[in-house]
Amino acid sequence: MSKYNYHVTPKLGIIPIGKINQYQGNIWKYVEVAKDTFGKDPEIEIMIPDEPLFDNDDVQKTVIKMEKSDCDLFLFVIGSWMYTSIVTTAINELHGKPAIVYGLCDEIANGSLGVSVQIRYVLEEMKLPFVYLYGKIDDKERMADIKAALKAAWAKNNLRGRNIAVIGGKCMMMYQTQVNEFNWKKVFGIDFPQYDHVEIFKELENIDEKEAERLTDEFSKNSKQINWELENGEKIHSDAILSQMRLYLAFRRFQELYDVDMFAVKCMPELVNKCYGYSYGACLAMALLNEDHSLIGACEGDVPAGISMYILKELAKAPVMFADISRLNADEKVINFFNCGSGPVSMANNRGYRLWPIPKLVPDEAVAEPYLNGDSGGACIEFEFEGDKTVTLLRLGGNDETLRFHAAVAKTASRVNNDEEDPNNQFAGGTRWPGCGIVLEDPDSFLRNATGHHYAIVYGDYTKELKFMCDFYGIKYVEDR
């Protein structure tokens, strides 16, 4: 599977299996139920034979046919006692493609549940990635699980062949923003092309100026407030919003030229200091990239964060926020998450978004003092998430045997001490930047499991799909709540 045979609707291949000299009522009934439920679901597509399969050759031929038709997930339904090899051989020949073993448990003496356990054990000993489920023929809860697993398999398959373009180098000595490309290429099928900022700047010469002006008018009009100048002297230059809309269009041109699916952009100091080629920052441009249905923009050259964002965006079909771990209120079990100026504005609560000058940040420990950022002149975004909403947080981390997903499902809240922040404070993450408070049962567990300080956040609970993805990859899954 790769983006070269990408299909919009997840595709499920159902392989109903029984034994010719065993009771067959269960497996025939399952075929009818599957056609009447999965087959009529407008969100998915299925392939299923008209009758159960009873011998090894029919099973293998059916699986090969489904594989050639680009099924995302192969559902092996165990309808009676059978030889273990009829399923283990087929899954082994899939070479790691997502599979489920589903043992029917309706008939006590039919053997389907018991042999499904046997098959599960053998596949585990073979170290093959798969998901094991069991349930009744018309089990609605298990049908929901299978559909979640299908979405996970579809997202896994569609990740293969993707490119995450690293613009610039490693930011601020953040080792966790880089990966072992040999390992991640092998597991996820992703490529990691690297480019210089000047290649983005070059595309500024080729953008549609009228479109940039239209985007500027629209973005400015929809903003609830633009703080052009603060009491401390910080200001947004008059052409800064237009400049960042032009930068967004340059990213889009670059994406089309180089077949890019994700960006991991080193913003400091190259995009906030004029002596390096640009001074207005990439905050608004990155925000628009993350509103786009087909792109991802991660800050600070963070590769795992960009891939985490892409996975959540595939599952949710909605914008995803790149956010930093900021502040902890242990008594209220709230951790502040924010970004230093970019965020998809469609995630804002009903107060909308506002624009502030980019603070005088220290851009990089590797930059000599004379070149630290002074007057950027750019604009950054500020908004709050909707409150009391379920969100999923995700970050991939590790390499080889430590490779894992760290996920959390939680509720949003107001940020800690948000009302007490001074907007003239250049590091005022509470009032001048986008973000939210995240309520966790055990913040200490989350902080000790975290694989870095950047997390992808999306509205909704997708932890079940993420757990299934890890099962299909055969890697570790860690969850906090």
Protein backbone atom coordinates (compact mmCIF):
# COMPACT_ATOMS: atom_id res chain seq x y z
CA MET A 1 0.00 0.00 0.00
CA SER A 2 1.17 3.54 -0.68
CA LYS A 3 -0.19 6.91 -1.65
CA TYR A 4 0.13 5.79 -5.25
CA ASN A 5 -2.90 3.51 -4.84
CA TYR A 6 -4.64 5.63 -2.22
CA HIS A 7 -8.41 5.26 -2.02
CA VAL A 8 -10.75 7.59 -0.19
CA THR A 9 -13.00 4.95 1.42
CA PRO A 10 -11.51 2.31 3.77
CA LYS A 11 -11.83 -1.16 2.25
CA LEU A 12 -12.50 -4.30 4.31
CA GLY A 13 -11.87 -7.83 3.08
CA ILE A 14 -13.95 -10.40 5.01
CA ILE A 15 -12.83 -14.04 4.92
CA PRO A 16 -15.53 -16.28 6.55
CA ILE A 17 -14.04 -19.72 7.29
CA GLY A 18 -15.58 -23.01 8.45
CA LYS A 19 -14.83 -26.74 8.37
CA ILE A 20 -16.69 -28.86 5.86
CA ASN A 21 -17.69 -31.58 8.38
CA GLN A 22 -18.59 -29.18 11.21
CA TYR A 23 -21.82 -27.33 12.00
CA GLN A 24 -21.98 -24.41 9.53
CA GLY A 25 -24.98 -22.42 10.74
CA ASN A 26 -22.88 -19.79 12.48
CA ILE A 27 -20.61 -18.96 9.58
CA TRP A 28 -23.45 -18.83 7.03
CA LYS A 29 -25.33 -16.51 9.35
CA TYR A 30 -22.26 -14.29 9.72
CA VAL A 31 -22.01 -13.86 5.94
CA GLU A 32 -25.63 -12.66 5.87
CA VAL A 33 -25.15 -10.29 8.80
CA ALA A 34 -21.89 -8.85 7.41
CA LYS A 35 -23.50 -8.10 4.05
CA ASP A 36 -26.47 -6.48 5.79
CA THR A 37 -24.35 -4.30 8.13
CA PHE A 38 -20.83 -3.62 6.83
CA GLY A 39 -22.07 -3.95 3.27
CA LYS A 40 -24.65 -1.19 3.73
CA ASP A 41 -22.33 1.18 5.63
CA PRO A 42 -21.71 4.23 3.38
CA GLU A 43 -18.42 5.03 5.14
CA ILE A 44 -16.69 1.79 4.13
CA GLU A 45 -16.38 -0.65 1.25
CA ILE A 46 -16.27 -4.43 1.65
CA MET A 47 -15.28 -7.54 -0.27
CA ILE A 48 -16.85 -10.80 0.92
CA PRO A 49 -17.47 -14.15 -0.84
CA ASP A 50 -21.07 -15.20 -1.32
CA GLU A 51 -20.55 -18.27 0.84
CA PRO A 52 -18.12 -19.47 3.52
CA LEU A 53 -14.72 -20.92 2.61
CA PHE A 54 -13.86 -24.49 3.64
CA ASP A 55 -10.40 -25.33 2.37
CA ASN A 56 -6.93 -23.86 2.31
CA ASP A 57 -6.77 -23.13 -1.44
CA ASP A 58 -10.03 -21.16 -1.43
CA VAL A 59 -8.87 -19.10 1.53
CA GLN A 60 -5.49 -18.30 -0.06
CA LYS A 61 -7.03 -17.42 -3.45
CA THR A 62 -9.62 -15.17 -1.80
CA VAL A 63 -6.99 -13.34 0.23
CA ILE A 64 -4.80 -12.83 -2.86
CA LYS A 65 -7.79 -11.41 -4.76
CA MET A 66 -8.56 -9.04 -1.90
CA GLU A 67 -4.92 -8.03 -1.67
CA LYS A 68 -4.85 -7.19 -5.39
CA SER A 69 -7.98 -5.07 -4.86
CA ASP A 70 -6.12 -3.02 -2.20
CA CYS A 71 -8.16 -4.03 0.82
CA ASP A 72 -6.93 -2.13 3.86
CA LEU A 73 -7.84 -4.78 6.42
CA PHE A 74 -8.32 -8.57 6.23
CA LEU A 75 -10.94 -9.93 8.65
CA PHE A 76 -10.63 -13.67 9.23
CA VAL A 77 -13.89 -14.88 10.78
CA ILE A 78 -13.48 -18.22 12.58
CA GLY A 79 -16.82 -20.00 12.23
CA SER A 80 -16.01 -23.52 13.44
CA TRP A 81 -13.15 -25.74 14.51
CA MET A 82 -10.42 -25.92 11.82
CA TYR A 83 -6.76 -26.58 11.27
CA THR A 84 -4.75 -23.65 12.63
CA SER A 85 -2.65 -23.43 9.47
CA ILE A 86 -5.58 -22.40 7.27
CA VAL A 87 -5.45 -18.95 8.90
CA THR A 88 -1.84 -18.66 10.06
CA THR A 89 -0.55 -19.41 6.55
CA ALA A 90 -2.78 -16.77 4.99
CA ILE A 91 -1.80 -14.08 7.53
CA ASN A 92 1.88 -14.99 7.21
CA GLU A 93 1.64 -14.51 3.43
CA LEU A 94 0.22 -11.02 3.92
CA HIS A 95 3.70 -9.92 5.02
CA GLY A 96 2.56 -7.59 7.77
CA LYS A 97 -0.59 -6.17 6.15
CA PRO A 98 -3.29 -5.45 8.78
CA ALA A 99 -5.36 -8.47 9.81
CA ILE A 100 -7.96 -9.38 12.44
CA VAL A 101 -8.73 -12.84 13.78
CA TYR A 102 -12.36 -12.86 14.94
CA GLY A 103 -13.58 -15.90 16.86
CA LEU A 104 -17.34 -16.46 16.92
CA CYS A 105 -18.59 -17.49 20.36
CA ASP A 106 -22.32 -18.11 19.76
CA GLU A 107 -22.23 -21.93 19.78
CA ILE A 108 -20.57 -23.45 22.85
CA ALA A 109 -19.61 -26.74 21.22
CA ASN A 110 -18.73 -25.51 17.75
CA GLY A 111 -15.02 -24.98 18.51
CA SER A 112 -14.75 -21.57 16.82
CA LEU A 113 -13.84 -19.68 20.01
CA GLY A 114 -11.33 -22.26 21.17
CA VAL A 115 -9.54 -22.54 17.85
CA SER A 116 -9.42 -18.72 17.55
CA VAL A 117 -7.45 -18.70 20.81
CA GLN A 118 -5.13 -21.33 19.37
CA ILE A 119 -4.64 -19.28 16.18
CA ARG A 120 -3.97 -16.16 18.28
CA TYR A 121 -1.26 -17.95 20.24
CA VAL A 122 0.47 -19.28 17.11
CA LEU A 123 0.46 -15.85 15.43
CA GLU A 124 1.93 -14.27 18.56
CA GLU A 125 4.69 -16.89 18.63
CA MET A 126 5.35 -16.09 14.95
CA LYS A 127 5.60 -12.40 15.96
CA LEU A 128 3.11 -11.36 13.29
CA PRO A 129 1.24 -8.04 13.75
CA PHE A 130 -2.52 -8.59 14.01
CA VAL A 131 -5.56 -7.91 16.22
CA TYR A 132 -7.48 -10.63 18.05
CA LEU A 133 -11.20 -10.17 18.74
CA TYR A 134 -14.06 -12.47 19.68
CA GLY A 135 -17.80 -11.99 19.92
CA LYS A 136 -21.22 -13.02 18.67
CA ILE A 137 -22.34 -12.98 15.06
CA ASP A 138 -24.32 -9.73 15.37
CA ASP A 139 -22.26 -8.12 18.16
CA LYS A 140 -22.67 -4.36 17.57
CA GLU A 141 -19.84 -3.43 19.93
CA ARG A 142 -17.44 -5.72 18.09
CA MET A 143 -18.66 -4.35 14.76
CA ALA A 144 -17.70 -0.88 16.01
CA ASP A 145 -14.28 -2.23 17.02
CA ILE A 146 -13.79 -3.76 13.58
CA LYS A 147 -14.73 -0.48 11.93
CA ALA A 148 -12.25 1.39 14.18
CA ALA A 149 -9.58 -1.17 13.27
CA LEU A 150 -10.41 -0.66 9.59
CA LYS A 151 -9.91 3.09 9.95
CA ALA A 152 -6.60 2.42 11.72
CA ALA A 153 -5.48 0.04 8.96
CA TRP A 154 -6.49 2.55 6.30
CA ALA A 155 -4.48 5.31 8.04
CA LYS A 156 -1.49 2.98 8.39
CA ASN A 157 -1.59 2.02 4.73
CA ASN A 158 -2.01 5.60 3.57
CA LEU A 159 1.02 6.71 5.59
CA ARG A 160 3.31 4.55 3.49
CA GLY A 161 5.06 6.39 0.68
CA ARG A 162 4.49 9.81 2.27
CA ASN A 163 7.18 12.51 2.39
CA ILE A 164 7.89 14.75 5.37
CA ALA A 165 10.01 17.66 4.15
CA VAL A 166 12.44 18.92 6.78
CA ILE A 167 13.05 22.61 6.11
CA GLY A 168 16.34 23.56 7.78
CA GLY A 169 18.11 21.55 10.44
CA LYS A 170 17.65 20.47 14.04
CA CYS A 171 16.14 23.30 16.08
CA MET A 172 17.62 24.37 19.47
CA MET A 173 19.47 21.07 19.97
CA MET A 174 16.15 19.23 20.24
CA TYR A 175 17.36 15.66 19.73
CA GLN A 176 13.81 14.33 20.12
CA THR A 177 12.76 16.12 16.93
CA GLN A 178 14.90 13.74 14.84
CA VAL A 179 14.53 10.03 14.18
CA ASN A 180 16.51 7.02 13.02
CA GLU A 181 15.47 7.29 9.39
CA PHE A 182 16.45 3.68 8.61
CA ASN A 183 14.11 2.38 11.32
CA TRP A 184 11.22 4.77 10.63
CA LYS A 185 11.45 4.16 6.89
CA LYS A 186 11.26 0.41 7.50
CA VAL A 187 8.29 0.60 9.89
CA PHE A 188 6.22 3.49 8.52
CA GLY A 189 7.38 3.62 4.89
CA ILE A 190 8.01 7.37 5.10
CA ASP A 191 10.74 9.39 3.35
CA PHE A 192 12.56 12.34 4.93
CA PRO A 193 13.79 14.73 2.20
CA GLN A 194 15.59 17.80 3.56
CA TYR A 195 15.59 21.26 2.02
CA ASP A 196 16.95 24.72 2.78
CA HIS A 197 14.84 27.77 3.58
CA VAL A 198 16.05 29.51 0.45
CA GLU A 199 14.12 26.96 -1.61
CA ILE A 200 10.90 28.12 0.03
CA PHE A 201 11.92 31.78 -0.34
CA LYS A 202 12.51 31.16 -4.06
CA GLU A 203 8.86 30.19 -4.51
CA LEU A 204 7.81 33.59 -3.12
CA GLU A 205 8.70 34.85 -6.60
CA ASN A 206 6.14 32.56 -8.21
CA ILE A 207 3.00 32.89 -6.09
CA ASP A 208 -0.34 34.38 -7.15
CA GLU A 209 -0.26 37.91 -5.71
CA LYS A 210 -4.00 38.44 -6.06
CA GLU A 211 -4.65 35.24 -4.13
CA ALA A 212 -2.26 36.43 -1.41
CA GLU A 213 -4.21 39.69 -1.15
CA ARG A 214 -7.51 37.81 -0.99
CA LEU A 215 -6.22 35.57 1.80
CA THR A 216 -4.93 38.63 3.67
CA ASP A 217 -8.30 40.36 3.53
CA GLU A 218 -10.11 37.19 4.60
CA PHE A 219 -7.74 36.35 7.46
CA SER A 220 -7.73 39.92 8.76
CA LYS A 221 -11.49 40.28 8.50
CA ASN A 222 -12.13 37.07 10.41
CA SER A 223 -9.73 38.02 13.19
CA LYS A 224 -11.54 39.37 16.28
CA GLN A 225 -8.70 41.76 17.07
CA ILE A 226 -5.34 42.76 15.59
CA ASN A 227 -2.95 44.23 18.16
CA TRP A 228 -0.79 46.24 15.80
CA GLU A 229 1.33 47.79 18.57
CA LEU A 230 1.78 47.18 22.30
CA GLU A 231 2.76 49.53 25.11
CA ASN A 232 6.18 47.89 25.33
CA GLY A 233 6.94 48.90 21.73
CA GLU A 234 6.35 45.52 20.04
CA LYS A 235 4.41 45.83 16.82
CA ILE A 236 3.11 44.05 13.76
CA HIS A 237 4.45 45.63 10.58
CA SER A 238 1.80 46.79 8.15
CA ASP A 239 2.73 44.23 5.47
CA ALA A 240 3.28 41.29 7.84
CA ILE A 241 -0.05 39.54 7.28
CA LEU A 242 0.25 39.83 3.50
CA SER A 243 3.83 38.55 3.71
CA GLN A 244 2.75 35.45 5.66
CA MET A 245 -0.08 34.74 3.22
CA ARG A 246 2.55 34.88 0.46
CA LEU A 247 4.69 32.47 2.47
CA TYR A 248 1.75 30.06 2.79
CA LEU A 249 1.30 30.08 -0.99
CA ALA A 250 5.06 29.48 -1.39
CA PHE A 251 4.73 26.39 0.83
CA ARG A 252 1.83 25.21 -1.32
CA ARG A 253 3.87 25.66 -4.51
CA PHE A 254 6.75 23.80 -2.90
CA GLN A 255 4.39 21.00 -1.89
CA GLU A 256 3.23 20.55 -5.48
CA LEU A 257 6.74 20.77 -6.93
CA TYR A 258 8.30 18.23 -4.60
CA ASP A 259 5.32 15.98 -3.78
CA VAL A 260 5.41 16.86 -0.07
CA ASP A 261 2.76 15.59 2.37
CA MET A 262 4.11 17.07 5.62
CA PHE A 263 6.44 19.92 6.56
CA ALA A 264 8.72 20.04 9.59
CA VAL A 265 9.97 23.62 9.51
CA LYS A 266 12.84 25.09 11.52
CA CYS A 267 11.45 28.56 12.14
CA MET A 268 14.13 30.07 14.38
CA PRO A 269 16.25 31.98 13.49
CA GLU A 270 15.76 31.73 9.72
CA LEU A 271 12.14 32.90 9.69
CA VAL A 272 12.22 35.51 12.47
CA ASN A 273 15.39 37.47 11.74
CA LYS A 274 15.88 39.45 8.56
CA CYS A 275 19.61 38.80 8.42
CA TYR A 276 18.79 35.15 7.63
CA GLY A 277 16.37 35.94 4.82
CA TYR A 278 12.95 36.57 6.41
CA SER A 279 11.71 38.23 9.60
CA TYR A 280 7.94 37.88 9.92
CA GLY A 281 7.84 34.29 11.12
CA ALA A 282 5.80 31.43 9.69
CA CYS A 283 2.98 31.38 12.26
CA LEU A 284 0.08 32.39 10.01
CA ALA A 285 1.44 30.35 7.09
CA MET A 286 1.71 27.22 9.24
CA ALA A 287 -1.79 27.80 10.60
CA LEU A 288 -3.20 27.80 7.07
CA LEU A 289 -1.20 24.69 6.14
CA ASN A 290 -2.87 22.87 9.02
CA GLU A 291 -6.32 23.99 7.92
CA ASP A 292 -5.70 22.41 4.53
CA HIS A 293 -7.22 18.93 4.23
CA SER A 294 -4.12 17.44 2.59
CA LEU A 295 -1.16 19.03 4.41
CA ILE A 296 0.58 19.21 7.77
CA GLY A 297 2.95 21.86 9.10
CA ALA A 298 4.98 21.08 12.24
CA CYS A 299 7.16 23.73 13.85
CA GLU A 300 10.80 23.58 14.97
CA GLY A 301 11.76 20.88 12.50
CA ASP A 302 9.98 18.25 14.60
CA VAL A 303 9.63 15.10 12.49
CA PRO A 304 7.80 12.87 15.05
CA ALA A 305 5.36 15.70 15.78
CA GLY A 306 4.61 16.16 12.07
CA ILE A 307 3.93 12.46 11.58
CA SER A 308 1.78 12.40 14.75
CA MET A 309 -0.24 15.30 13.35
CA TYR A 310 -0.65 13.52 10.02
CA ILE A 311 -1.96 10.35 11.67
CA LEU A 312 -4.54 12.25 13.75
CA LYS A 313 -5.60 14.30 10.75
CA GLU A 314 -6.18 11.11 8.74
CA LEU A 315 -8.25 9.57 11.53
CA ALA A 316 -10.25 12.68 12.43
CA LYS A 317 -10.51 14.30 9.01
CA ALA A 318 -10.12 17.59 10.88
CA PRO A 319 -7.38 20.13 11.67
CA VAL A 320 -4.76 19.21 14.26
CA MET A 321 -2.84 21.49 16.63
CA PHE A 322 0.94 21.35 17.22
CA ALA A 323 1.36 22.23 20.91
CA ASP A 324 4.05 22.48 23.59
CA ILE A 325 3.82 21.25 27.16
CA SER A 326 3.83 24.49 29.13
CA ARG A 327 2.68 24.66 32.75
CA LEU A 328 1.29 22.32 35.39
CA ASN A 329 -1.28 22.91 38.10
CA ALA A 330 -0.91 19.70 40.09
CA ASP A 331 -3.86 20.45 42.39
CA GLU A 332 -6.30 20.81 39.48
CA LYS A 333 -4.50 18.16 37.38
CA VAL A 334 -4.29 20.57 34.45
CA ILE A 335 -1.35 20.87 32.06
CA ASN A 336 -1.20 23.92 29.80
CA PHE A 337 -0.51 23.24 26.12
CA PHE A 338 0.24 26.06 23.69
CA ASN A 339 2.04 26.96 20.50
CA CYS A 340 4.26 30.01 20.16
CA GLY A 341 2.01 31.57 17.54
CA SER A 342 0.51 29.13 15.05
CA GLY A 343 -2.64 27.07 15.30
CA PRO A 344 -5.52 26.15 12.95
CA VAL A 345 -8.03 28.87 13.80
CA SER A 346 -11.02 26.58 13.17
CA MET A 347 -10.14 24.93 16.50
CA ALA A 348 -10.81 28.18 18.41
CA ASN A 349 -13.76 28.58 20.76
CA ASN A 350 -16.58 31.03 20.00
CA ARG A 351 -14.38 33.99 20.95
CA GLY A 352 -12.42 33.40 17.76
CA TYR A 353 -8.79 34.33 17.22
CA ARG A 354 -6.67 37.45 17.67
CA LEU A 355 -3.28 38.53 16.33
CA TRP A 356 -0.31 39.76 18.40
CA PRO A 357 3.25 40.82 17.57
CA ILE A 358 5.78 37.99 17.59
CA PRO A 359 7.69 38.38 20.90
CA LYS A 360 11.42 39.01 21.05
CA LEU A 361 12.26 35.37 21.48
CA VAL A 362 15.69 33.84 21.95
CA PRO A 363 15.69 31.82 18.74
CA ASP A 364 18.47 29.26 19.17
CA GLU A 365 21.27 28.53 21.59
CA ALA A 366 23.47 27.95 18.54
CA VAL A 367 23.02 31.57 17.38
CA ALA A 368 25.63 34.04 18.52
CA GLU A 369 24.35 36.86 20.75
CA PRO A 370 24.69 39.64 18.12
CA TYR A 371 22.22 37.77 15.92
CA LEU A 372 19.46 37.10 18.45
CA ASN A 373 16.04 38.13 17.25
CA GLY A 374 15.11 41.75 17.80
CA ASP A 375 12.16 43.38 16.09
CA SER A 376 10.58 40.61 14.03
CA GLY A 377 7.58 42.64 12.93
CA GLY A 378 5.56 39.50 12.33
CA ALA A 379 2.19 38.40 13.68
CA CYS A 380 1.25 35.35 15.74
CA ILE A 381 -2.16 33.89 16.55
CA GLU A 382 -3.92 33.64 19.91
CA PHE A 383 -7.04 31.66 20.76
CA GLU A 384 -8.49 29.23 23.29
CA PHE A 385 -9.82 25.77 22.51
CA GLU A 386 -13.45 24.97 23.14
CA GLY A 387 -13.86 24.04 26.80
CA ASP A 388 -14.91 20.68 28.24
CA LYS A 389 -14.31 18.92 24.92
CA THR A 390 -12.79 15.48 24.49
CA VAL A 391 -9.43 15.61 22.74
CA THR A 392 -6.78 13.09 21.73
CA LEU A 393 -3.09 13.86 22.19
CA LEU A 394 -0.42 11.92 20.32
CA ARG A 395 3.33 11.83 19.90
CA LEU A 396 5.42 9.11 18.31
CA GLY A 397 8.78 8.44 19.90
CA GLY A 398 11.71 6.10 20.15
CA ASN A 399 13.62 4.05 17.61
CA ASP A 400 13.90 0.32 16.96
CA GLU A 401 12.91 -1.56 20.15
CA THR A 402 11.77 1.65 21.92
CA LEU A 403 9.54 2.82 19.05
CA ARG A 404 6.07 3.64 20.40
CA PHE A 405 2.93 5.77 20.28
CA HIS A 406 2.22 7.84 23.39
CA ALA A 407 -1.44 8.89 23.39
CA ALA A 408 -3.86 10.47 25.82
CA VAL A 409 -7.58 11.11 25.81
CA ALA A 410 -8.65 14.00 28.02
CA LYS A 411 -10.91 17.02 28.44
CA THR A 412 -10.06 20.61 27.60
CA ALA A 413 -10.19 23.40 30.19
CA SER A 414 -9.09 27.00 30.60
CA ARG A 415 -5.35 27.38 30.85
CA VAL A 416 -3.85 27.69 34.33
CA ASN A 417 -3.45 31.34 35.42
CA ASN A 418 -4.66 32.45 32.01
CA ASP A 419 -6.42 35.57 33.37
CA GLU A 420 -3.38 36.68 35.35
CA GLU A 421 -0.97 36.89 32.42
CA ASP A 422 0.36 40.26 31.28
CA PRO A 423 -0.04 40.55 27.49
CA ASN A 424 2.99 42.85 27.43
CA ASN A 425 5.10 39.97 28.73
CA GLN A 426 6.99 38.70 25.70
CA PHE A 427 6.77 35.12 26.94
CA ALA A 428 3.09 35.33 27.86
CA GLY A 429 2.05 31.87 26.68
CA GLY A 430 -1.22 32.27 28.56
CA THR A 431 -2.65 35.22 26.67
CA ARG A 432 -0.74 35.76 23.45
CA TRP A 433 -0.56 32.27 21.99
CA PRO A 434 -3.09 29.57 21.03
CA GLY A 435 -3.73 26.64 23.32
CA CYS A 436 -5.74 25.10 26.12
CA GLY A 437 -5.61 23.36 29.47
CA ILE A 438 -5.69 19.56 29.41
CA VAL A 439 -7.26 17.77 32.40
CA LEU A 440 -5.59 14.42 33.17
CA GLU A 441 -6.25 11.81 35.82
CA ASP A 442 -2.51 11.49 36.46
CA PRO A 443 -0.38 14.34 35.04
CA ASP A 444 2.75 12.77 36.53
CA SER A 445 2.20 9.61 34.46
CA PHE A 446 1.74 11.68 31.30
CA LEU A 447 4.92 13.68 31.91
CA ARG A 448 6.94 10.54 32.62
CA ASN A 449 5.61 8.81 29.49
CA ALA A 450 6.07 11.86 27.24
CA THR A 451 8.56 11.42 24.40
CA GLY A 452 9.10 15.14 23.88
CA HIS A 453 7.44 18.46 24.64
CA HIS A 454 5.51 18.78 21.35
CA TYR A 455 2.16 16.96 21.05
CA ALA A 456 -0.48 16.76 18.33
CA ILE A 457 -3.99 17.57 19.61
CA VAL A 458 -7.32 16.97 17.86
CA TYR A 459 -10.95 17.11 18.97
CA GLY A 460 -12.45 13.64 19.57
CA ASP A 461 -11.33 10.28 20.95
CA TYR A 462 -9.18 8.25 18.54
CA THR A 463 -7.26 6.18 21.08
CA LYS A 464 -8.93 2.93 20.01
CA GLU A 465 -7.77 3.47 16.42
CA LEU A 466 -4.27 4.39 17.62
CA LYS A 467 -4.05 1.22 19.72
CA PHE A 468 -5.09 -0.85 16.70
CA MET A 469 -2.45 0.92 14.57
CA CYS A 470 0.25 -0.10 17.05
CA ASP A 471 -1.03 -3.68 16.99
CA PHE A 472 -0.74 -3.66 13.20
CA TYR A 473 2.77 -2.16 13.36
CA GLY A 474 3.81 -4.52 16.13
CA ILE A 475 5.10 -1.63 18.27
CA LYS A 476 4.40 -0.42 21.81
CA TYR A 477 1.35 1.65 22.70
CA VAL A 478 1.27 3.82 25.85
CA GLU A 479 -1.91 5.62 26.93
CA ASP A 480 -2.76 8.20 29.59
CA ARG A 481 -6.15 9.63 30.49
